[in-house]
């Protein structure tokens, strides 16, 4: 066998060996990518009982030969805006101890009542909302800033700013609503 014949015979083996190495290298590269993806999917499926929300994967789906790992920014959840009708805060209600009546029929209907609602500003961050009519004889209550109570002028029934009766003859509370200040608006919700 001449050296050229040997070279020809070795070339196919050399060539085969090179292809096998590339195949093995490709295999290991692809299997490590698959293992990374499997690990990421396993992590996504895991959660703890205190926080059932799945963990967000920092991996981006790979679409090219070069694996790309990209981090995603984790954002804080946006505070949920209360659902319900809103009322513009009057100049009187902007003051601590101020009050405002809500008689808009669409707002009352959305809250499921027919009678007027009285808003009272207790402090800079707090507004209370209750139906205005005394549960004893349906007379409109008035806010007493000194006592911080809603008082019926007819028979003296007294109510806390949360609508609870503190003195009769009324024996049922006023209907109370959650009031949330949002800029120059008050958002109202049924409790």
N, C-alpha and C. Protein backbone atom coordinates (compact mmCIF):
# COMPACT_ATOMS: atom_id res chain seq x y z
N UNK A 1 0.83 -1.16 0.00
CA UNK A 1 0.00 0.00 0.00
C UNK A 1 0.88 1.24 0.00
N UNK A 2 0.57 2.11 -0.93
CA UNK A 2 1.36 3.32 -1.00
C UNK A 2 0.86 4.31 0.02
N UNK A 3 1.68 5.31 0.23
CA UNK A 3 1.27 6.31 1.21
C UNK A 3 0.04 7.08 0.74
N UNK A 4 -0.15 7.26 -0.54
CA UNK A 4 -1.33 7.92 -1.06
C UNK A 4 -2.55 7.06 -0.81
N UNK A 5 -2.44 5.74 -1.03
CA UNK A 5 -3.55 4.84 -0.76
C UNK A 5 -3.90 4.84 0.72
N UNK A 6 -2.87 4.85 1.54
CA UNK A 6 -3.11 4.90 2.97
C UNK A 6 -3.81 6.19 3.37
N UNK A 7 -3.35 7.26 2.78
CA UNK A 7 -3.95 8.56 3.08
C UNK A 7 -5.42 8.57 2.68
N UNK A 8 -5.74 7.97 1.53
CA UNK A 8 -7.10 7.89 1.05
C UNK A 8 -7.93 7.04 1.99
N UNK A 9 -7.34 5.92 2.44
CA UNK A 9 -8.07 5.06 3.36
C UNK A 9 -8.24 5.73 4.72
N UNK A 10 -7.26 6.52 5.16
CA UNK A 10 -7.35 7.19 6.46
C UNK A 10 -8.29 8.38 6.41
N UNK A 11 -8.32 9.03 5.27
CA UNK A 11 -9.17 10.20 5.16
C UNK A 11 -10.62 9.90 5.50
N UNK A 12 -11.21 8.80 4.98
CA UNK A 12 -12.59 8.52 5.37
C UNK A 12 -12.71 8.30 6.87
N UNK A 13 -11.73 7.63 7.48
CA UNK A 13 -11.79 7.44 8.93
C UNK A 13 -11.65 8.76 9.67
N UNK A 14 -10.69 9.57 9.20
CA UNK A 14 -10.49 10.87 9.82
C UNK A 14 -11.75 11.71 9.68
N UNK A 15 -12.26 11.66 8.46
CA UNK A 15 -13.49 12.42 8.20
C UNK A 15 -14.63 11.92 9.09
N UNK A 16 -14.75 10.57 9.20
CA UNK A 16 -15.79 10.00 10.04
C UNK A 16 -15.59 10.40 11.49
N UNK A 17 -14.34 10.37 11.94
CA UNK A 17 -14.06 10.75 13.33
C UNK A 17 -14.46 12.21 13.57
N UNK A 18 -14.12 13.08 12.67
CA UNK A 18 -14.47 14.50 12.79
C UNK A 18 -15.98 14.67 12.85
N UNK A 19 -16.72 13.97 11.98
CA UNK A 19 -18.18 14.05 12.01
C UNK A 19 -18.74 13.55 13.33
N UNK A 20 -18.16 12.44 13.83
CA UNK A 20 -18.62 11.90 15.11
C UNK A 20 -18.38 12.90 16.24
N UNK A 21 -17.23 13.57 16.22
CA UNK A 21 -16.94 14.57 17.26
C UNK A 21 -17.93 15.72 17.17
N UNK A 22 -18.21 16.15 15.99
CA UNK A 22 -19.17 17.24 15.82
C UNK A 22 -20.55 16.80 16.30
N UNK A 23 -20.89 15.58 15.98
CA UNK A 23 -22.18 15.07 16.40
C UNK A 23 -22.24 14.97 17.93
N UNK A 24 -21.18 14.45 18.52
CA UNK A 24 -21.15 14.37 19.98
C UNK A 24 -21.19 15.77 20.60
N UNK A 25 -20.41 16.67 20.04
CA UNK A 25 -20.37 18.05 20.55
C UNK A 25 -21.76 18.67 20.42
N UNK A 26 -22.37 18.48 19.25
CA UNK A 26 -23.73 19.01 19.04
C UNK A 26 -24.72 18.38 20.00
N UNK A 27 -24.55 17.05 20.18
CA UNK A 27 -25.44 16.36 21.11
C UNK A 27 -25.33 16.93 22.52
N UNK A 28 -24.09 17.11 23.00
CA UNK A 28 -23.90 17.64 24.35
C UNK A 28 -24.41 19.08 24.46
N UNK A 29 -24.22 19.86 23.42
CA UNK A 29 -24.70 21.24 23.42
C UNK A 29 -26.23 21.27 23.49
N UNK A 30 -26.87 20.43 22.66
CA UNK A 30 -28.33 20.40 22.64
C UNK A 30 -28.90 19.81 23.93
N UNK A 31 -28.23 18.78 24.46
CA UNK A 31 -28.75 18.17 25.69
C UNK A 31 -28.59 19.10 26.87
N UNK A 32 -27.52 19.91 26.90
CA UNK A 32 -27.39 20.87 28.01
C UNK A 32 -28.44 21.96 27.89
N UNK A 33 -28.78 22.37 26.67
CA UNK A 33 -29.85 23.35 26.46
C UNK A 33 -31.19 22.76 26.90
N UNK A 34 -31.43 21.49 26.56
CA UNK A 34 -32.66 20.82 26.96
C UNK A 34 -32.74 20.70 28.47
N UNK A 35 -31.61 20.36 29.11
CA UNK A 35 -31.59 20.23 30.58
C UNK A 35 -31.89 21.57 31.23
N UNK A 36 -31.33 22.65 30.69
CA UNK A 36 -31.59 23.99 31.23
C UNK A 36 -33.07 24.34 31.08
N UNK A 37 -33.64 24.04 29.92
CA UNK A 37 -35.06 24.33 29.70
C UNK A 37 -35.94 23.51 30.63
N UNK A 38 -35.59 22.22 30.82
CA UNK A 38 -36.36 21.35 31.71
C UNK A 38 -36.30 21.87 33.14
N UNK A 39 -35.13 22.31 33.54
CA UNK A 39 -34.95 22.87 34.89
C UNK A 39 -35.82 24.11 35.06
N UNK A 40 -35.82 24.98 34.05
CA UNK A 40 -36.62 26.20 34.11
C UNK A 40 -38.10 25.86 34.20
N UNK A 41 -38.56 24.88 33.42
CA UNK A 41 -39.97 24.49 33.47
C UNK A 41 -40.32 23.88 34.82
N UNK A 42 -39.39 23.13 35.40
CA UNK A 42 -39.63 22.55 36.73
C UNK A 42 -39.78 23.66 37.76
N UNK A 43 -38.91 24.66 37.68
CA UNK A 43 -39.00 25.79 38.61
C UNK A 43 -40.32 26.52 38.44
N UNK A 44 -40.76 26.70 37.19
CA UNK A 44 -42.03 27.38 36.93
C UNK A 44 -43.20 26.64 37.57
N UNK A 45 -43.12 25.32 37.60
CA UNK A 45 -44.22 24.54 38.17
C UNK A 45 -44.22 24.52 39.68
N UNK A 46 -43.12 24.92 40.29
CA UNK A 46 -43.03 24.88 41.76
C UNK A 46 -43.58 26.16 42.36
N UNK A 47 -44.20 26.03 43.51
CA UNK A 47 -44.64 27.18 44.28
C UNK A 47 -44.77 26.73 45.71
N UNK A 48 -44.85 27.70 46.63
CA UNK A 48 -45.06 27.30 48.02
C UNK A 48 -46.48 27.63 48.41
N UNK A 49 -46.90 27.12 49.54
CA UNK A 49 -48.30 27.31 49.96
C UNK A 49 -48.60 28.75 50.33
N UNK A 50 -47.60 29.48 50.83
CA UNK A 50 -47.83 30.87 51.21
C UNK A 50 -47.94 31.77 49.99
N UNK A 51 -47.29 31.39 48.89
CA UNK A 51 -47.32 32.20 47.68
C UNK A 51 -47.56 31.26 46.49
N UNK A 52 -48.83 30.96 46.17
CA UNK A 52 -49.12 30.00 45.12
C UNK A 52 -48.81 30.48 43.72
N UNK A 53 -48.40 31.72 43.55
CA UNK A 53 -48.09 32.27 42.24
C UNK A 53 -46.79 31.65 41.73
N UNK A 54 -46.73 31.15 40.48
CA UNK A 54 -45.51 30.53 39.99
C UNK A 54 -44.37 31.55 39.87
N UNK A 55 -43.15 31.05 40.00
CA UNK A 55 -41.97 31.89 39.86
C UNK A 55 -41.79 32.19 38.38
N UNK A 56 -41.42 33.43 38.06
CA UNK A 56 -41.23 33.79 36.66
C UNK A 56 -39.86 33.34 36.20
N UNK A 57 -39.80 32.71 35.03
CA UNK A 57 -38.54 32.21 34.48
C UNK A 57 -37.77 33.35 33.85
N UNK A 58 -36.45 33.41 34.11
CA UNK A 58 -35.64 34.44 33.44
C UNK A 58 -35.20 34.01 32.05
N UNK A 59 -35.58 32.80 31.60
CA UNK A 59 -35.14 32.32 30.30
C UNK A 59 -36.07 32.77 29.19
N UNK A 60 -35.45 33.10 28.07
CA UNK A 60 -36.22 33.45 26.89
C UNK A 60 -36.19 32.25 25.96
N UNK A 61 -37.27 32.00 25.25
CA UNK A 61 -37.31 30.87 24.33
C UNK A 61 -36.19 31.01 23.32
N UNK A 62 -35.48 29.91 23.08
CA UNK A 62 -34.34 29.95 22.18
C UNK A 62 -34.81 29.68 20.76
N UNK A 63 -34.42 30.59 19.86
CA UNK A 63 -34.84 30.44 18.47
C UNK A 63 -33.65 30.33 17.54
N UNK A 64 -32.43 30.58 18.02
CA UNK A 64 -31.26 30.47 17.16
C UNK A 64 -30.32 29.40 17.71
N UNK A 65 -29.19 29.17 17.01
CA UNK A 65 -28.23 28.16 17.44
C UNK A 65 -27.52 28.59 18.73
N UNK A 66 -27.34 29.88 18.91
CA UNK A 66 -26.68 30.37 20.12
C UNK A 66 -27.72 30.58 21.21
N UNK A 67 -27.55 29.88 22.35
CA UNK A 67 -28.54 30.06 23.41
C UNK A 67 -28.46 31.48 23.98
N UNK A 68 -29.61 32.10 24.11
CA UNK A 68 -29.68 33.46 24.63
C UNK A 68 -30.42 33.41 25.95
N UNK A 69 -29.81 33.93 26.98
CA UNK A 69 -30.48 34.01 28.28
C UNK A 69 -30.75 35.48 28.52
N UNK A 70 -32.00 35.81 28.75
CA UNK A 70 -32.39 37.19 28.94
C UNK A 70 -33.18 37.31 30.24
N UNK A 71 -32.85 38.30 31.05
CA UNK A 71 -33.58 38.49 32.29
C UNK A 71 -34.81 39.35 32.03
N UNK A 72 -35.90 38.99 32.68
CA UNK A 72 -37.12 39.79 32.59
C UNK A 72 -37.25 40.60 33.87
N UNK A 73 -37.64 41.82 33.75
CA UNK A 73 -37.85 42.65 34.93
C UNK A 73 -39.11 42.19 35.63
N UNK A 74 -39.02 41.99 36.92
CA UNK A 74 -40.20 41.61 37.71
C UNK A 74 -40.78 42.90 38.26
N UNK A 75 -42.01 43.17 37.89
CA UNK A 75 -42.64 44.42 38.32
C UNK A 75 -43.56 44.16 39.49
N UNK A 76 -43.73 45.17 40.31
CA UNK A 76 -44.65 45.09 41.43
C UNK A 76 -46.07 45.15 40.89
N UNK A 77 -46.99 44.43 41.52
CA UNK A 77 -48.37 44.50 41.05
C UNK A 77 -48.93 45.90 41.29
N UNK A 78 -49.74 46.32 40.35
CA UNK A 78 -50.38 47.63 40.46
C UNK A 78 -51.48 47.54 41.51
N UNK A 79 -51.54 48.56 42.38
CA UNK A 79 -52.58 48.57 43.40
C UNK A 79 -53.93 48.57 42.71
N UNK A 80 -54.81 47.74 43.20
CA UNK A 80 -56.11 47.62 42.59
C UNK A 80 -56.96 48.84 42.93
N UNK A 81 -57.51 49.45 41.91
CA UNK A 81 -58.38 50.60 42.10
C UNK A 81 -59.75 50.09 42.52
N UNK A 82 -60.32 50.67 43.59
CA UNK A 82 -61.64 50.20 44.02
C UNK A 82 -62.65 50.34 42.90
N UNK A 83 -63.59 49.39 42.88
CA UNK A 83 -64.64 49.42 41.87
C UNK A 83 -65.87 50.08 42.46
N UNK A 84 -66.47 50.95 41.72
CA UNK A 84 -67.67 51.62 42.19
C UNK A 84 -67.73 53.03 41.65
N UNK A 85 -68.83 53.69 41.90
CA UNK A 85 -68.99 55.06 41.41
C UNK A 85 -68.09 56.02 42.18
N UNK A 86 -67.83 57.16 41.56
CA UNK A 86 -67.00 58.17 42.21
C UNK A 86 -67.71 59.52 42.20
N UNK A 87 -67.33 60.34 43.18
CA UNK A 87 -67.94 61.66 43.37
C UNK A 87 -66.81 62.67 43.49
N UNK A 88 -66.95 63.80 42.84
CA UNK A 88 -65.96 64.88 42.97
C UNK A 88 -66.08 65.49 44.37
N UNK A 89 -64.93 65.70 45.01
CA UNK A 89 -64.91 66.27 46.36
C UNK A 89 -65.23 67.77 46.26
N UNK A 90 -66.24 68.20 47.00
CA UNK A 90 -66.62 69.61 47.02
C UNK A 90 -65.63 70.40 47.86
N UNK A 91 -65.65 71.74 47.73
CA UNK A 91 -64.77 72.59 48.54
C UNK A 91 -65.05 72.39 50.03
N UNK A 92 -66.31 72.21 50.39
CA UNK A 92 -66.66 72.00 51.79
C UNK A 92 -66.07 70.69 52.32
N UNK A 93 -66.10 69.64 51.51
CA UNK A 93 -65.58 68.34 51.93
C UNK A 93 -64.05 68.30 51.97
N UNK A 94 -63.40 69.25 51.32
CA UNK A 94 -61.94 69.32 51.37
C UNK A 94 -61.45 69.68 52.78
N UNK A 95 -62.32 70.33 53.57
CA UNK A 95 -61.96 70.74 54.93
C UNK A 95 -62.26 69.61 55.91
N UNK A 96 -61.38 69.44 56.91
CA UNK A 96 -61.64 68.46 57.97
C UNK A 96 -62.90 68.90 58.72
N UNK A 97 -63.83 67.98 58.88
CA UNK A 97 -65.11 68.29 59.51
C UNK A 97 -66.18 68.69 58.50
N UNK A 98 -65.78 68.86 57.25
CA UNK A 98 -66.74 69.22 56.20
C UNK A 98 -67.56 68.01 55.77
N UNK A 99 -68.70 68.30 55.12
CA UNK A 99 -69.54 67.20 54.64
C UNK A 99 -70.13 67.55 53.29
N UNK A 100 -70.67 66.55 52.64
CA UNK A 100 -71.23 66.70 51.30
C UNK A 100 -72.30 65.65 51.10
N UNK A 101 -73.40 66.05 50.47
CA UNK A 101 -74.48 65.11 50.17
C UNK A 101 -74.31 64.58 48.75
N UNK A 102 -74.63 63.29 48.57
CA UNK A 102 -74.61 62.66 47.25
C UNK A 102 -76.04 62.23 46.94
N UNK A 103 -76.64 62.92 45.96
CA UNK A 103 -78.03 62.63 45.59
C UNK A 103 -78.17 62.17 44.14
N UNK A 104 -77.06 62.03 43.44
CA UNK A 104 -77.07 61.62 42.04
C UNK A 104 -77.69 60.23 41.93
N UNK A 105 -78.79 60.13 41.18
CA UNK A 105 -79.55 58.87 41.12
C UNK A 105 -78.74 57.72 40.51
N UNK A 106 -77.88 58.01 39.55
CA UNK A 106 -77.06 56.96 38.94
C UNK A 106 -76.07 56.38 39.96
N UNK A 107 -75.49 57.24 40.77
CA UNK A 107 -74.56 56.79 41.81
C UNK A 107 -75.30 55.99 42.86
N UNK A 108 -76.45 56.50 43.31
CA UNK A 108 -77.24 55.79 44.32
C UNK A 108 -77.68 54.42 43.80
N UNK A 109 -78.10 54.38 42.54
CA UNK A 109 -78.54 53.12 41.94
C UNK A 109 -77.38 52.13 41.87
N UNK A 110 -76.20 52.62 41.49
CA UNK A 110 -75.01 51.76 41.41
C UNK A 110 -74.66 51.18 42.78
N UNK A 111 -74.97 51.90 43.85
CA UNK A 111 -74.69 51.43 45.21
C UNK A 111 -75.87 50.66 45.81
N UNK A 112 -76.99 50.63 45.10
CA UNK A 112 -78.14 49.85 45.54
C UNK A 112 -79.00 50.51 46.60
N UNK A 113 -78.99 51.85 46.65
CA UNK A 113 -79.84 52.58 47.60
C UNK A 113 -80.64 53.65 46.86
N UNK A 114 -81.70 54.13 47.51
CA UNK A 114 -82.51 55.18 46.92
C UNK A 114 -82.35 56.50 47.65
N UNK A 115 -81.88 56.44 48.90
CA UNK A 115 -81.77 57.66 49.68
C UNK A 115 -80.39 58.30 49.55
N UNK A 116 -80.33 59.58 49.81
CA UNK A 116 -79.11 60.37 49.74
C UNK A 116 -78.03 59.81 50.67
N UNK A 117 -76.79 59.99 50.27
CA UNK A 117 -75.64 59.57 51.07
C UNK A 117 -74.94 60.82 51.59
N UNK A 118 -74.50 60.75 52.84
CA UNK A 118 -73.77 61.86 53.46
C UNK A 118 -72.31 61.48 53.58
N UNK A 119 -71.43 62.30 52.99
CA UNK A 119 -69.98 62.12 53.11
C UNK A 119 -69.48 63.07 54.19
N UNK A 120 -68.60 62.59 55.07
CA UNK A 120 -68.04 63.40 56.15
C UNK A 120 -66.53 63.24 56.15
N UNK A 121 -65.82 64.38 56.18
CA UNK A 121 -64.34 64.37 56.21
C UNK A 121 -63.89 64.33 57.66
N UNK A 122 -63.35 63.18 58.11
CA UNK A 122 -62.90 63.02 59.50
C UNK A 122 -61.49 63.56 59.70
N UNK A 123 -60.62 63.34 58.75
CA UNK A 123 -59.26 63.86 58.80
C UNK A 123 -58.73 63.96 57.37
N UNK A 124 -57.45 64.28 57.24
CA UNK A 124 -56.88 64.52 55.92
C UNK A 124 -57.03 63.32 54.97
N UNK A 125 -56.95 62.10 55.53
CA UNK A 125 -56.95 60.91 54.69
C UNK A 125 -58.25 60.10 54.75
N UNK A 126 -59.23 60.53 55.57
CA UNK A 126 -60.41 59.70 55.79
C UNK A 126 -61.72 60.44 55.54
N UNK A 127 -62.55 59.81 54.72
CA UNK A 127 -63.92 60.27 54.49
C UNK A 127 -64.84 59.10 54.79
N UNK A 128 -65.92 59.37 55.51
CA UNK A 128 -66.93 58.35 55.82
C UNK A 128 -68.15 58.59 54.96
N UNK A 129 -68.84 57.52 54.60
CA UNK A 129 -70.03 57.61 53.75
C UNK A 129 -71.14 56.74 54.34
N UNK A 130 -72.31 57.35 54.60
CA UNK A 130 -73.47 56.66 55.16
C UNK A 130 -74.73 57.19 54.51
N UNK A 131 -75.78 56.37 54.53
CA UNK A 131 -77.08 56.91 54.12
C UNK A 131 -77.43 58.01 55.12
N UNK A 132 -78.17 59.00 54.68
CA UNK A 132 -78.41 60.19 55.50
C UNK A 132 -79.63 60.07 56.42
N UNK A 133 -80.59 59.22 56.06
CA UNK A 133 -81.85 59.18 56.83
C UNK A 133 -81.74 58.30 58.07
N UNK A 134 -82.18 58.86 59.20
CA UNK A 134 -82.22 58.12 60.46
C UNK A 134 -83.09 56.88 60.28
N UNK A 135 -82.65 55.77 60.85
CA UNK A 135 -83.39 54.52 60.69
C UNK A 135 -84.62 54.45 61.59
N UNK A 136 -84.82 55.48 62.45
CA UNK A 136 -85.99 55.51 63.32
C UNK A 136 -87.18 56.15 62.63
N UNK A 137 -86.99 57.39 62.16
CA UNK A 137 -88.13 58.11 61.60
C UNK A 137 -87.80 58.80 60.27
N UNK A 138 -86.72 58.38 59.63
CA UNK A 138 -86.32 58.83 58.28
C UNK A 138 -85.95 60.32 58.18
N UNK A 139 -85.71 61.00 59.27
CA UNK A 139 -85.26 62.40 59.21
C UNK A 139 -83.77 62.41 58.87
N UNK A 140 -83.32 63.38 58.07
CA UNK A 140 -81.90 63.45 57.72
C UNK A 140 -81.04 63.76 58.96
N UNK A 141 -79.97 62.97 59.14
CA UNK A 141 -79.06 63.21 60.26
C UNK A 141 -78.12 64.36 59.90
N UNK A 142 -77.56 64.98 60.91
CA UNK A 142 -76.60 66.07 60.72
C UNK A 142 -75.29 65.68 61.40
N UNK A 143 -74.18 66.14 60.84
CA UNK A 143 -72.88 65.82 61.42
C UNK A 143 -72.54 66.83 62.51
N UNK A 144 -72.21 66.35 63.71
CA UNK A 144 -71.76 67.18 64.82
C UNK A 144 -70.24 66.99 64.92
N UNK A 145 -69.48 68.01 64.48
CA UNK A 145 -68.01 67.91 64.44
C UNK A 145 -67.40 67.82 65.84
N UNK A 146 -68.02 68.47 66.83
CA UNK A 146 -67.48 68.42 68.20
C UNK A 146 -67.56 67.00 68.76
N UNK A 147 -68.69 66.34 68.57
CA UNK A 147 -68.88 64.98 69.10
C UNK A 147 -68.44 63.90 68.11
N UNK A 148 -68.19 64.32 66.88
CA UNK A 148 -67.85 63.39 65.80
C UNK A 148 -68.90 62.28 65.67
N UNK A 149 -70.16 62.73 65.64
CA UNK A 149 -71.30 61.82 65.53
C UNK A 149 -72.28 62.36 64.50
N UNK A 150 -73.11 61.47 63.99
CA UNK A 150 -74.24 61.85 63.16
C UNK A 150 -75.46 61.83 64.08
N UNK A 151 -76.18 62.96 64.14
CA UNK A 151 -77.28 63.09 65.10
C UNK A 151 -78.58 63.41 64.38
N UNK A 152 -79.64 62.72 64.77
CA UNK A 152 -80.96 62.97 64.22
C UNK A 152 -81.59 64.13 64.99
N UNK A 153 -82.02 65.19 64.30
CA UNK A 153 -82.57 66.36 64.98
C UNK A 153 -83.98 66.13 65.57
N UNK A 154 -84.68 65.08 65.13
CA UNK A 154 -86.05 64.85 65.63
C UNK A 154 -86.08 64.21 67.01
N UNK A 155 -85.46 63.08 67.18
CA UNK A 155 -85.57 62.35 68.44
C UNK A 155 -84.22 62.09 69.11
N UNK A 156 -83.13 62.62 68.54
CA UNK A 156 -81.83 62.53 69.18
C UNK A 156 -81.05 61.24 68.97
N UNK A 157 -81.46 60.40 68.04
CA UNK A 157 -80.66 59.20 67.77
C UNK A 157 -79.27 59.62 67.34
N UNK A 158 -78.28 58.83 67.77
CA UNK A 158 -76.88 59.15 67.46
C UNK A 158 -76.23 57.95 66.78
N UNK A 159 -75.38 58.29 65.81
CA UNK A 159 -74.69 57.26 65.03
C UNK A 159 -73.20 57.58 64.94
N UNK A 160 -72.36 56.55 65.01
CA UNK A 160 -70.93 56.72 64.75
C UNK A 160 -70.75 57.03 63.27
N UNK A 161 -69.55 57.48 62.91
CA UNK A 161 -69.26 57.76 61.51
C UNK A 161 -69.22 56.49 60.65
N UNK A 162 -69.24 55.35 61.31
CA UNK A 162 -69.31 54.06 60.60
C UNK A 162 -70.75 53.58 60.49
N UNK A 163 -71.72 54.42 60.93
CA UNK A 163 -73.13 54.10 60.79
C UNK A 163 -73.76 53.38 61.97
N UNK A 164 -72.97 52.94 62.96
CA UNK A 164 -73.50 52.18 64.10
C UNK A 164 -74.26 53.10 65.06
N UNK A 165 -75.34 52.57 65.62
CA UNK A 165 -76.16 53.33 66.58
C UNK A 165 -75.42 53.39 67.92
N UNK A 166 -75.33 54.61 68.48
CA UNK A 166 -74.76 54.75 69.83
C UNK A 166 -75.84 55.12 70.84
N UNK A 167 -76.96 55.70 70.33
CA UNK A 167 -78.08 56.08 71.20
C UNK A 167 -79.36 56.05 70.38
N UNK A 168 -80.42 55.49 70.95
CA UNK A 168 -81.71 55.37 70.28
C UNK A 168 -82.52 56.64 70.40
N UNK A 169 -83.70 56.60 69.86
CA UNK A 169 -84.56 55.45 69.66
C UNK A 169 -84.26 54.60 68.42
N UNK A 170 -83.36 55.04 67.53
CA UNK A 170 -83.03 54.20 66.36
C UNK A 170 -82.40 52.90 66.86
N UNK A 171 -82.79 51.79 66.23
CA UNK A 171 -82.21 50.51 66.64
C UNK A 171 -81.48 49.79 65.50
N UNK A 172 -81.43 50.40 64.34
CA UNK A 172 -80.70 49.83 63.20
C UNK A 172 -79.65 50.84 62.73
N UNK A 173 -78.52 50.37 62.26
CA UNK A 173 -77.47 51.28 61.79
C UNK A 173 -77.82 51.91 60.45
N UNK A 174 -77.13 52.99 60.14
CA UNK A 174 -77.21 53.57 58.80
C UNK A 174 -76.46 52.64 57.85
N UNK A 175 -76.80 52.70 56.58
CA UNK A 175 -76.04 51.90 55.61
C UNK A 175 -74.71 52.61 55.39
N UNK A 176 -73.64 51.87 55.61
CA UNK A 176 -72.29 52.44 55.53
C UNK A 176 -71.60 51.95 54.26
N UNK A 177 -70.82 52.82 53.64
CA UNK A 177 -70.09 52.52 52.41
C UNK A 177 -68.61 52.76 52.62
N UNK A 178 -67.80 52.03 51.88
CA UNK A 178 -66.36 52.28 51.88
C UNK A 178 -66.12 53.49 51.00
N UNK A 179 -65.38 54.48 51.52
CA UNK A 179 -65.05 55.68 50.75
C UNK A 179 -63.53 55.78 50.65
N UNK A 180 -63.02 55.85 49.44
CA UNK A 180 -61.58 55.93 49.20
C UNK A 180 -61.27 57.22 48.46
N UNK A 181 -60.36 58.01 49.02
CA UNK A 181 -59.96 59.26 48.38
C UNK A 181 -58.97 58.93 47.28
N UNK A 182 -59.25 59.45 46.08
CA UNK A 182 -58.37 59.25 44.92
C UNK A 182 -58.24 60.60 44.22
N UNK A 183 -57.23 61.38 44.62
CA UNK A 183 -57.06 62.72 44.07
C UNK A 183 -58.18 63.63 44.55
N UNK A 184 -58.93 64.21 43.61
CA UNK A 184 -60.05 65.08 44.00
C UNK A 184 -61.39 64.35 43.89
N UNK A 185 -61.34 63.03 43.91
CA UNK A 185 -62.53 62.22 43.83
C UNK A 185 -62.64 61.30 45.04
N UNK A 186 -63.87 60.90 45.36
CA UNK A 186 -64.12 59.88 46.39
C UNK A 186 -64.76 58.70 45.67
N UNK A 187 -64.13 57.53 45.80
CA UNK A 187 -64.67 56.32 45.21
C UNK A 187 -65.51 55.62 46.26
N UNK A 188 -66.72 55.24 45.93
CA UNK A 188 -67.63 54.61 46.88
C UNK A 188 -67.84 53.15 46.51
N UNK A 189 -67.90 52.30 47.57
CA UNK A 189 -68.11 50.87 47.37
C UNK A 189 -69.04 50.35 48.44
N UNK A 190 -69.83 49.35 48.08
CA UNK A 190 -70.64 48.64 49.09
C UNK A 190 -69.71 47.81 49.96
N UNK A 191 -70.04 47.70 51.20
CA UNK A 191 -69.25 46.83 52.10
C UNK A 191 -69.86 45.47 52.20
